[in-house]
Amino acid sequence: MCAVRQVAVAVVGFSGGDIEQNNGIGKSCFCSRFVRPAFDDYETVKGSLSSCISEADFLQREVNRCHFLYFAPTTKEQVEFHVVEQTTLIEDTTLRPFSEAAKYSDRATRLSLRSDGKVAFTSRDHIGISTASDTKWFPSELFEKVGIKGFICVFDPTLDERAMKDQVTMVCDLITNIQSKKLKIPVVLAVSKSDKIEHAGCVGVTCARDTARQYSIPIVYTSAHENMNVTETFLFLASLILKKSHSHIYSCTADTADYVTAMENHRQKLQALDKNYNQLLATVVKGLYVTWSFFKGRLVGKIEYEDFKYVFGMKQAKVAFKMRLLLAALRTSSKLLKSLTEGTTYTSLKRLTVMRDLLLDHEDIGNVDYSLYKEMNQYRCSRYRSFSTGDEQAIDEILMLLKDMTCNRIDSL
């Protein structure tokens, strides 16, 4: 087994006052998702990753008066990643950047960094409250003496026309600076927010592809929110940095295919996880009166459940369980289905049917009238989405109705 190697990596991309005020291009989300790959862990911080902070926060250890953020070290495939995000921090009252003399494309591509007393950044809400037990100190010696060995340049394909032109200009400056250094420093272009791209021919995808081709660098389509190719991008960069000494990483690298293929591969991964979990549910959920609190204990440790929860989160695992209960009821009697469709107060049924198809293959519905689900297949082929509180409440409402109607336990699927 190879010894663990330390690698310092910088995440860069379009940065500046205007773009940071408008939620940025996804650099912080990209870094945060890498160190918090589990859905529920990422959800706790993704809403507080803005670059707009107070003057007091700018002085705290997590920032330390620097326009770069350090994320906690993460070990993958015998590689210990130390990641910094080069950004532009904005004062939240004036909406202007804190003073920084150097041009972004120059300071963001420095190979040597130092910031004594700096600690790992978690989120804006956690600035200034880290405790001694969970503090991860910025390794100045690693970043100053060994230096940054690779760059991930994040590219946002969803910007408007004016911002897109500015982004292309800055990205070109960044890559030019990196490639002009004497050492051959690898750089990967990571297209962010792939889950929000309407089609493969959109302007943003074309600009990203042309830029990668112009500089002969690899391009990877990613999504922090859907955890698509995030870890894989870092492993891919590590394989370029370490080469033969860690050749086993090549088997774990990112999907560098075109956008359509990358999205199809990601969709298939999600569907496989979804199918495996629902097959597990089908074997153990046999009645309408099973509670989630009881049932959850039986799932802990089962690979299908753990993988599903890791990618989709505990809430969606619970919703899938309730949808299984709903299907168990609907499959017992066409009269129950008819009573639901004829009710005047259950306008959310159409939304529920769409949700159902995200979770289950249509073959699983049995003899239920499938005409109600004619719009599902098209929706399934798009992308998975998070379920809202209203969706879960609608499921609970219908389950309560079914319990009242049957008055008896539904014994089997």
Protein backbone atom coordinates (compact mmCIF):
# COMPACT_ATOMS: atom_id res chain seq x y z
CA MET A 1 0.00 0.00 0.00
CA CYS A 2 1.26 3.47 -0.90
CA ALA A 3 2.12 5.89 1.87
CA VAL A 4 -0.24 8.81 2.35
CA ARG A 5 0.95 11.83 0.39
CA GLN A 6 0.11 15.44 1.23
CA VAL A 7 -1.03 17.57 -1.69
CA ALA A 8 -1.82 21.30 -1.61
CA VAL A 9 -4.49 22.33 -4.12
CA ALA A 10 -5.94 25.74 -4.96
CA VAL A 11 -9.49 26.27 -6.26
CA VAL A 12 -9.76 29.42 -8.37
CA GLY A 13 -12.24 31.01 -10.76
CA PHE A 14 -14.11 34.14 -11.71
CA SER A 15 -14.07 36.45 -8.69
CA GLY A 16 -14.89 40.04 -7.89
CA GLY A 17 -17.33 42.36 -6.15
CA ASP A 18 -20.34 41.99 -8.44
CA ILE A 19 -20.16 38.25 -8.91
CA GLU A 20 -19.55 37.54 -5.20
CA GLN A 21 -22.62 39.61 -4.27
CA ASN A 22 -24.71 37.38 -6.56
CA ASN A 23 -23.84 34.07 -4.84
CA GLY A 24 -20.60 33.58 -6.77
CA ILE A 25 -19.78 30.83 -9.23
CA GLY A 26 -19.71 27.93 -6.78
CA LYS A 27 -16.08 27.76 -5.58
CA SER A 28 -16.99 27.58 -1.88
CA CYS A 29 -19.74 25.02 -2.49
CA PHE A 30 -17.31 22.95 -4.56
CA CYS A 31 -14.70 22.92 -1.78
CA SER A 32 -17.24 22.38 0.97
CA ARG A 33 -18.84 19.45 -0.84
CA PHE A 34 -15.43 17.82 -1.19
CA VAL A 35 -14.76 17.92 2.56
CA ARG A 36 -18.43 17.13 3.38
CA PRO A 37 -19.54 14.65 0.72
CA ALA A 38 -22.50 13.26 2.68
CA PHE A 39 -25.78 15.00 1.76
CA ASP A 40 -26.87 15.86 5.31
CA ASP A 41 -23.43 17.20 6.28
CA TYR A 42 -23.32 19.44 3.22
CA GLU A 43 -26.89 20.69 3.77
CA THR A 44 -25.91 22.16 7.15
CA VAL A 45 -23.45 24.60 5.57
CA LYS A 46 -24.40 25.18 1.94
CA GLY A 47 -26.68 28.11 2.79
CA SER A 48 -23.94 30.07 4.56
CA LEU A 49 -21.03 30.02 2.13
CA SER A 50 -21.42 33.57 0.85
CA SER A 51 -18.31 35.72 0.42
CA CYS A 52 -20.08 38.69 2.04
CA ILE A 53 -18.89 38.90 5.64
CA SER A 54 -18.60 41.52 8.35
CA GLU A 55 -15.44 43.45 9.16
CA ALA A 56 -15.26 41.62 12.49
CA ASP A 57 -15.39 38.26 10.72
CA PHE A 58 -12.61 39.35 8.37
CA LEU A 59 -10.35 39.60 11.42
CA GLN A 60 -11.26 36.16 12.80
CA ARG A 61 -8.89 33.19 12.53
CA GLU A 62 -10.94 31.47 9.82
CA VAL A 63 -10.26 34.41 7.49
CA ASN A 64 -7.24 36.02 9.13
CA ARG A 65 -7.33 39.10 6.90
CA CYS A 66 -6.69 36.99 3.80
CA HIS A 67 -8.69 36.61 0.62
CA PHE A 68 -8.26 32.86 0.64
CA LEU A 69 -10.06 30.22 2.70
CA TYR A 70 -8.56 26.98 3.96
CA PHE A 71 -10.74 23.88 4.18
CA ALA A 72 -10.11 21.01 6.60
CA PRO A 73 -7.71 18.33 5.31
CA THR A 74 -9.42 15.38 3.64
CA THR A 75 -7.87 12.02 2.83
CA LYS A 76 -8.97 10.11 -0.27
CA GLU A 77 -7.17 7.14 -1.86
CA GLN A 78 -3.99 7.59 0.24
CA VAL A 79 -3.83 11.28 -0.65
CA GLU A 80 -4.27 13.95 2.04
CA PHE A 81 -5.71 17.00 0.30
CA HIS A 82 -5.14 20.47 1.70
CA VAL A 83 -7.47 22.78 -0.20
CA VAL A 84 -7.56 26.56 -0.37
CA GLU A 85 -10.15 28.62 -2.19
CA GLN A 86 -8.89 31.86 -3.70
CA THR A 87 -11.76 34.32 -3.49
CA THR A 88 -12.66 37.99 -3.05
CA LEU A 89 -14.28 38.70 0.31
CA ILE A 90 -16.89 41.46 0.43
CA GLU A 91 -17.70 43.76 3.36
CA ASP A 92 -21.39 43.18 4.05
CA THR A 93 -22.34 46.82 4.69
CA THR A 94 -20.47 48.59 1.89
CA LEU A 95 -20.61 45.62 -0.53
CA ARG A 96 -17.06 46.42 -1.53
CA PRO A 97 -14.06 44.08 -1.34
CA PHE A 98 -11.79 44.29 1.66
CA SER A 99 -8.51 45.95 0.64
CA GLU A 100 -6.24 43.77 -1.48
CA ALA A 101 -3.41 45.26 -3.48
CA ALA A 102 -2.72 42.44 -5.91
CA LYS A 103 -4.83 41.65 -8.95
CA TYR A 104 -6.92 38.49 -8.47
CA SER A 105 -5.43 36.54 -11.37
CA ASP A 106 -1.95 37.24 -9.95
CA ARG A 107 -2.53 36.49 -6.27
CA ALA A 108 -4.81 33.50 -6.94
CA THR A 109 -2.09 31.69 -8.90
CA ARG A 110 0.67 32.07 -6.34
CA LEU A 111 2.31 28.77 -5.51
CA SER A 112 3.42 29.83 -2.03
CA LEU A 113 1.04 30.96 0.73
CA ARG A 114 1.49 31.87 4.36
CA SER A 115 -0.98 32.95 7.03
CA ASP A 116 0.16 32.32 10.61
CA GLY A 117 -2.71 31.60 12.99
CA LYS A 118 -5.24 30.81 10.26
CA VAL A 119 -7.66 27.90 10.84
CA ALA A 120 -9.97 25.90 8.62
CA PHE A 121 -13.14 27.55 7.33
CA THR A 122 -16.48 25.75 7.75
CA SER A 123 -19.10 28.35 6.84
CA ARG A 124 -19.91 31.98 7.43
CA ASP A 125 -22.10 31.04 10.42
CA HIS A 126 -19.20 29.20 12.07
CA ILE A 127 -16.66 32.01 11.87
CA GLY A 128 -15.27 32.78 15.31
CA ILE A 129 -16.90 29.87 17.16
CA SER A 130 -14.53 26.97 16.45
CA THR A 131 -13.33 25.15 19.56
CA ALA A 132 -9.88 23.84 20.39
CA SER A 133 -11.01 20.25 19.86
CA ASP A 134 -12.16 20.75 16.26
CA THR A 135 -9.66 23.40 15.11
CA LYS A 136 -7.66 22.52 12.01
CA TRP A 137 -4.70 24.85 11.60
CA PHE A 138 -3.57 26.14 8.23
CA PRO A 139 -0.29 24.30 7.41
CA SER A 140 1.82 27.31 6.47
CA GLU A 141 4.95 25.17 6.16
CA LEU A 142 3.31 22.94 3.54
CA PHE A 143 1.92 25.84 1.52
CA GLU A 144 5.05 27.98 1.84
CA LYS A 145 7.88 25.47 1.40
CA VAL A 146 6.30 22.67 -0.62
CA GLY A 147 3.79 24.93 -2.35
CA ILE A 148 0.60 24.42 -4.33
CA LYS A 149 0.93 21.52 -6.74
CA GLY A 150 -2.27 21.83 -8.74
CA PHE A 151 -5.22 24.06 -9.57
CA ILE A 152 -8.91 23.50 -10.13
CA CYS A 153 -10.43 26.37 -12.10
CA VAL A 154 -14.19 26.57 -11.56
CA PHE A 155 -16.28 27.78 -14.50
CA ASP A 156 -19.92 28.83 -14.08
CA PRO A 157 -21.94 28.12 -17.28
CA THR A 158 -25.10 29.83 -16.01
CA LEU A 159 -23.93 33.47 -16.06
CA ASP A 160 -25.51 36.07 -18.30
CA GLU A 161 -23.79 37.26 -21.49
CA ARG A 162 -21.91 40.19 -19.97
CA ALA A 163 -20.70 38.25 -16.94
CA MET A 164 -19.78 35.30 -19.17
CA LYS A 165 -17.41 37.44 -21.21
CA ASP A 166 -15.76 38.75 -18.04
CA GLN A 167 -15.49 35.21 -16.71
CA VAL A 168 -13.81 33.91 -19.86
CA THR A 169 -11.32 36.78 -19.74
CA MET A 170 -10.42 36.12 -16.09
CA VAL A 171 -10.22 32.35 -16.54
CA CYS A 172 -7.89 32.83 -19.50
CA ASP A 173 -5.69 35.11 -17.36
CA LEU A 174 -5.63 32.53 -14.56
CA ILE A 175 -4.70 29.62 -16.82
CA THR A 176 -2.09 31.69 -18.64
CA ASN A 177 -0.46 32.61 -15.33
CA ILE A 178 -0.45 28.98 -14.18
CA GLN A 179 0.95 27.62 -17.42
CA SER A 180 3.63 30.32 -17.61
CA LYS A 181 5.34 29.07 -14.46
CA LYS A 182 8.59 27.13 -14.84
CA LEU A 183 7.17 24.08 -13.08
CA LYS A 184 4.52 22.20 -15.01
CA ILE A 185 1.58 22.75 -12.67
CA PRO A 186 -1.53 20.79 -13.72
CA VAL A 187 -4.86 22.59 -13.94
CA VAL A 188 -8.34 21.14 -14.43
CA LEU A 189 -11.36 23.14 -15.62
CA ALA A 190 -14.39 22.21 -13.48
CA VAL A 191 -17.71 23.32 -14.95
CA SER A 192 -19.92 24.00 -11.92
CA LYS A 193 -23.73 23.93 -11.57
CA SER A 194 -24.15 21.26 -14.25
CA ASP A 195 -27.54 20.44 -12.71
CA LYS A 196 -28.76 23.89 -13.78
CA ILE A 197 -27.68 23.71 -17.40
CA GLU A 198 -30.66 23.52 -19.77
CA HIS A 199 -28.91 21.72 -22.63
CA ALA A 200 -25.48 20.71 -23.90
CA GLY A 201 -25.41 23.48 -26.51
CA CYS A 202 -25.90 26.41 -24.15
CA VAL A 203 -23.48 29.32 -24.35
CA GLY A 204 -21.85 28.53 -21.00
CA VAL A 205 -20.98 24.95 -21.93
CA THR A 206 -19.64 26.07 -25.30
CA CYS A 207 -17.45 28.75 -23.70
CA ALA A 208 -16.08 26.29 -21.14
CA ARG A 209 -15.35 23.67 -23.79
CA ASP A 210 -13.63 26.21 -26.07
CA THR A 211 -11.51 27.52 -23.20
CA ALA A 212 -10.37 24.03 -22.21
CA ARG A 213 -9.54 23.24 -25.83
CA GLN A 214 -7.63 26.51 -26.25
CA TYR A 215 -5.30 25.73 -23.34
CA SER A 216 -5.26 21.93 -23.79
CA ILE A 217 -6.50 21.23 -20.27
CA PRO A 218 -9.00 18.59 -19.13
CA ILE A 219 -12.60 19.63 -18.48
CA VAL A 220 -14.95 17.99 -15.97
CA TYR A 221 -18.70 18.68 -15.57
CA THR A 222 -19.60 18.94 -11.90
CA SER A 223 -22.37 19.89 -9.48
CA ALA A 224 -21.70 20.57 -5.81
CA HIS A 225 -25.37 20.37 -4.85
CA GLU A 226 -25.75 16.95 -6.48
CA ASN A 227 -22.22 15.83 -5.55
CA MET A 228 -21.51 15.13 -9.20
CA ASN A 229 -17.82 14.58 -10.01
CA VAL A 230 -16.60 16.69 -7.08
CA THR A 231 -14.40 14.16 -5.31
CA GLU A 232 -13.52 12.67 -8.68
CA THR A 233 -12.17 16.03 -9.89
CA PHE A 234 -9.78 16.26 -6.93
CA LEU A 235 -8.65 12.67 -7.44
CA PHE A 236 -8.15 13.34 -11.12
CA LEU A 237 -5.97 16.34 -10.32
CA ALA A 238 -4.02 14.27 -7.78
CA SER A 239 -3.37 11.64 -10.46
CA LEU A 240 -1.86 14.36 -12.67
CA ILE A 241 0.27 15.64 -9.80
CA LEU A 242 1.53 12.33 -8.41
CA LYS A 243 1.52 10.33 -11.63
CA LYS A 244 3.23 6.94 -11.29
CA SER A 245 3.77 7.08 -7.52
CA HIS A 246 -0.01 6.83 -7.00
CA SER A 247 -1.08 5.16 -10.23
CA HIS A 248 -4.02 3.44 -8.47
CA ILE A 249 -5.83 6.80 -8.39
CA TYR A 250 -6.41 6.59 -12.13
CA SER A 251 -9.18 4.06 -11.53
CA CYS A 252 -11.05 6.64 -9.43
CA THR A 253 -10.74 9.70 -11.61
CA ALA A 254 -13.44 12.00 -12.86
CA ASP A 255 -15.70 11.62 -15.86
CA THR A 256 -14.04 13.81 -18.48
CA ALA A 257 -16.60 12.90 -21.14
CA ASP A 258 -18.76 15.45 -22.94
CA TYR A 259 -21.64 17.08 -21.08
CA VAL A 260 -24.39 14.78 -22.35
CA THR A 261 -22.45 11.63 -21.47
CA ALA A 262 -21.38 12.98 -18.08
CA MET A 263 -24.98 13.83 -17.12
CA GLU A 264 -26.25 10.47 -18.35
CA ASN A 265 -23.61 8.64 -16.32
CA HIS A 266 -24.55 10.65 -13.24
CA ARG A 267 -28.25 9.97 -13.75
CA GLN A 268 -27.58 6.25 -14.01
CA LYS A 269 -25.63 6.31 -10.75
CA LEU A 270 -28.53 8.01 -8.99
CA GLN A 271 -31.07 5.62 -10.43
CA ALA A 272 -29.00 2.62 -9.37
CA LEU A 273 -28.85 3.87 -5.78
CA ASP A 274 -32.55 4.65 -5.86
CA LYS A 275 -33.47 1.24 -7.29
CA ASN A 276 -31.35 -0.68 -4.77
CA TYR A 277 -32.85 1.17 -1.81
CA ASN A 278 -36.40 0.68 -3.00
CA GLN A 279 -35.77 -3.01 -3.59
CA LEU A 280 -34.65 -3.19 0.02
CA LEU A 281 -37.82 -1.38 1.13
CA ALA A 282 -39.95 -3.78 -0.90
CA THR A 283 -38.60 -6.74 1.04
CA VAL A 284 -39.27 -5.34 4.50
CA VAL A 285 -42.21 -2.91 4.30
CA LYS A 286 -45.28 -5.12 4.45
CA GLY A 287 -47.94 -3.05 6.14
CA LEU A 288 -49.45 0.41 6.37
CA TYR A 289 -48.93 0.83 10.10
CA VAL A 290 -45.13 0.53 10.21
CA THR A 291 -43.52 3.67 11.65
CA TRP A 292 -40.33 5.25 10.35
CA SER A 293 -38.79 5.52 13.83
CA PHE A 294 -39.11 1.75 14.25
CA PHE A 295 -38.21 0.84 10.69
CA LYS A 296 -35.10 3.04 10.53
CA GLY A 297 -33.36 0.93 13.15
CA ARG A 298 -33.68 -2.14 10.94
CA LEU A 299 -31.97 -0.34 8.04
CA VAL A 300 -28.84 0.86 9.82
CA GLY A 301 -25.79 -0.89 8.43
CA LYS A 302 -27.48 -2.11 5.25
CA ILE A 303 -25.43 -0.94 2.28
CA GLU A 304 -28.46 0.01 0.14
CA TYR A 305 -29.79 2.30 2.87
CA GLU A 306 -26.42 3.79 3.82
CA ASP A 307 -25.54 4.58 0.18
CA PHE A 308 -28.96 6.15 -0.47
CA LYS A 309 -28.78 8.28 2.68
CA TYR A 310 -25.22 9.35 1.84
CA VAL A 311 -26.27 10.71 -1.56
CA PHE A 312 -29.89 11.82 -1.00
CA GLY A 313 -30.04 12.42 2.75
CA MET A 314 -32.08 11.09 5.66
CA LYS A 315 -35.16 13.13 4.73
CA GLN A 316 -35.47 11.57 1.29
CA ALA A 317 -34.84 8.10 2.73
CA LYS A 318 -37.82 8.74 4.98
CA VAL A 319 -39.95 10.04 2.09
CA ALA A 320 -39.10 6.94 0.05
CA PHE A 321 -40.27 4.81 2.96
CA LYS A 322 -43.59 6.69 3.10
CA MET A 323 -44.02 6.38 -0.63
CA ARG A 324 -43.57 2.65 -0.25
CA LEU A 325 -46.38 2.64 2.32
CA LEU A 326 -48.55 4.63 -0.08
CA LEU A 327 -47.89 2.18 -2.89
CA ALA A 328 -48.63 -0.74 -0.59
CA ALA A 329 -52.04 0.75 0.00
CA LEU A 330 -52.77 1.70 -3.60
CA ARG A 331 -51.88 -1.72 -4.92
CA THR A 332 -54.42 -3.44 -2.69
CA SER A 333 -57.50 -1.91 -4.23
CA SER A 334 -58.40 0.10 -7.31
CA LYS A 335 -61.29 1.54 -5.27
CA LEU A 336 -58.84 3.30 -2.98
CA LEU A 337 -57.16 4.88 -5.98
CA LYS A 338 -60.52 5.94 -7.41
CA SER A 339 -61.58 7.55 -4.15
CA LEU A 340 -58.35 9.56 -4.05
CA THR A 341 -58.62 10.81 -7.62
CA GLU A 342 -62.26 11.85 -7.17
CA GLY A 343 -61.63 13.79 -3.96
CA THR A 344 -61.78 17.55 -4.16
CA THR A 345 -59.25 18.25 -1.41
CA TYR A 346 -56.33 16.20 -2.72
CA THR A 347 -54.99 18.46 -5.42
CA SER A 348 -51.46 17.42 -4.52
CA LEU A 349 -51.97 13.92 -5.95
CA LYS A 350 -50.42 14.89 -9.28
CA ARG A 351 -47.31 16.12 -7.46
CA LEU A 352 -47.23 12.88 -5.48
CA THR A 353 -47.35 10.80 -8.64
CA VAL A 354 -44.37 12.68 -10.00
CA MET A 355 -42.53 12.05 -6.75
CA ARG A 356 -43.50 8.39 -6.85
CA ASP A 357 -41.87 7.95 -10.22
CA LEU A 358 -38.65 9.47 -8.99
CA LEU A 359 -38.52 6.76 -6.36
CA LEU A 360 -39.92 3.70 -8.08
CA ASP A 361 -39.91 2.11 -11.50
CA HIS A 362 -43.32 2.08 -13.18
CA GLU A 363 -43.33 -1.74 -13.33
CA ASP A 364 -43.60 -1.74 -9.55
CA ILE A 365 -47.04 -0.13 -9.53
CA GLY A 366 -48.73 -3.42 -10.42
CA ASN A 367 -52.28 -3.20 -11.68
CA VAL A 368 -52.92 0.42 -10.75
CA ASP A 369 -54.19 2.56 -13.64
CA TYR A 370 -50.97 3.93 -15.13
CA SER A 371 -52.72 6.66 -17.13
CA LEU A 372 -52.45 8.90 -14.07
CA TYR A 373 -48.69 8.76 -14.38
CA LYS A 374 -48.28 9.72 -18.03
CA GLU A 375 -46.12 12.75 -17.21
CA MET A 376 -43.76 10.89 -14.90
CA ASN A 377 -41.31 9.38 -17.34
CA GLN A 378 -40.42 12.74 -18.81
CA TYR A 379 -39.85 14.14 -15.33
CA ARG A 380 -37.73 11.15 -14.31
CA CYS A 381 -35.37 11.72 -17.20
CA SER A 382 -34.54 15.21 -15.97
CA ARG A 383 -32.90 15.18 -12.55
CA TYR A 384 -33.55 14.25 -8.97
CA ARG A 385 -34.74 17.06 -6.76
CA SER A 386 -35.10 17.64 -3.05
CA PHE A 387 -38.48 16.97 -1.53
CA SER A 388 -40.14 19.87 0.22
CA THR A 389 -41.87 19.80 3.58
CA GLY A 390 -45.16 20.24 1.73
CA ASP A 391 -44.54 17.05 -0.25
CA GLU A 392 -44.02 15.04 2.93
CA GLN A 393 -47.11 16.54 4.53
CA ALA A 394 -49.16 15.60 1.47
CA ILE A 395 -47.99 12.00 1.77
CA ASP A 396 -48.91 11.96 5.47
CA GLU A 397 -52.36 13.34 4.64
CA ILE A 398 -53.10 10.61 2.11
CA LEU A 399 -51.71 7.88 4.37
CA MET A 400 -54.04 9.04 7.14
CA LEU A 401 -56.97 8.90 4.73
CA LEU A 402 -56.07 5.35 3.71
CA LYS A 403 -55.86 4.27 7.33
CA ASP A 404 -59.28 5.74 8.02
CA MET A 405 -60.76 4.03 4.97
CA THR A 406 -59.34 0.59 5.54
CA CYS A 407 -59.54 0.50 9.37
CA ASN A 408 -57.53 -2.71 9.10
CA ARG A 409 -53.85 -3.49 8.61
CA ILE A 410 -52.78 -3.89 4.97
CA ASP A 411 -50.81 -7.07 5.22
CA SER A 412 -48.89 -7.36 1.98
CA LEU A 413 -47.74 -5.68 -1.17
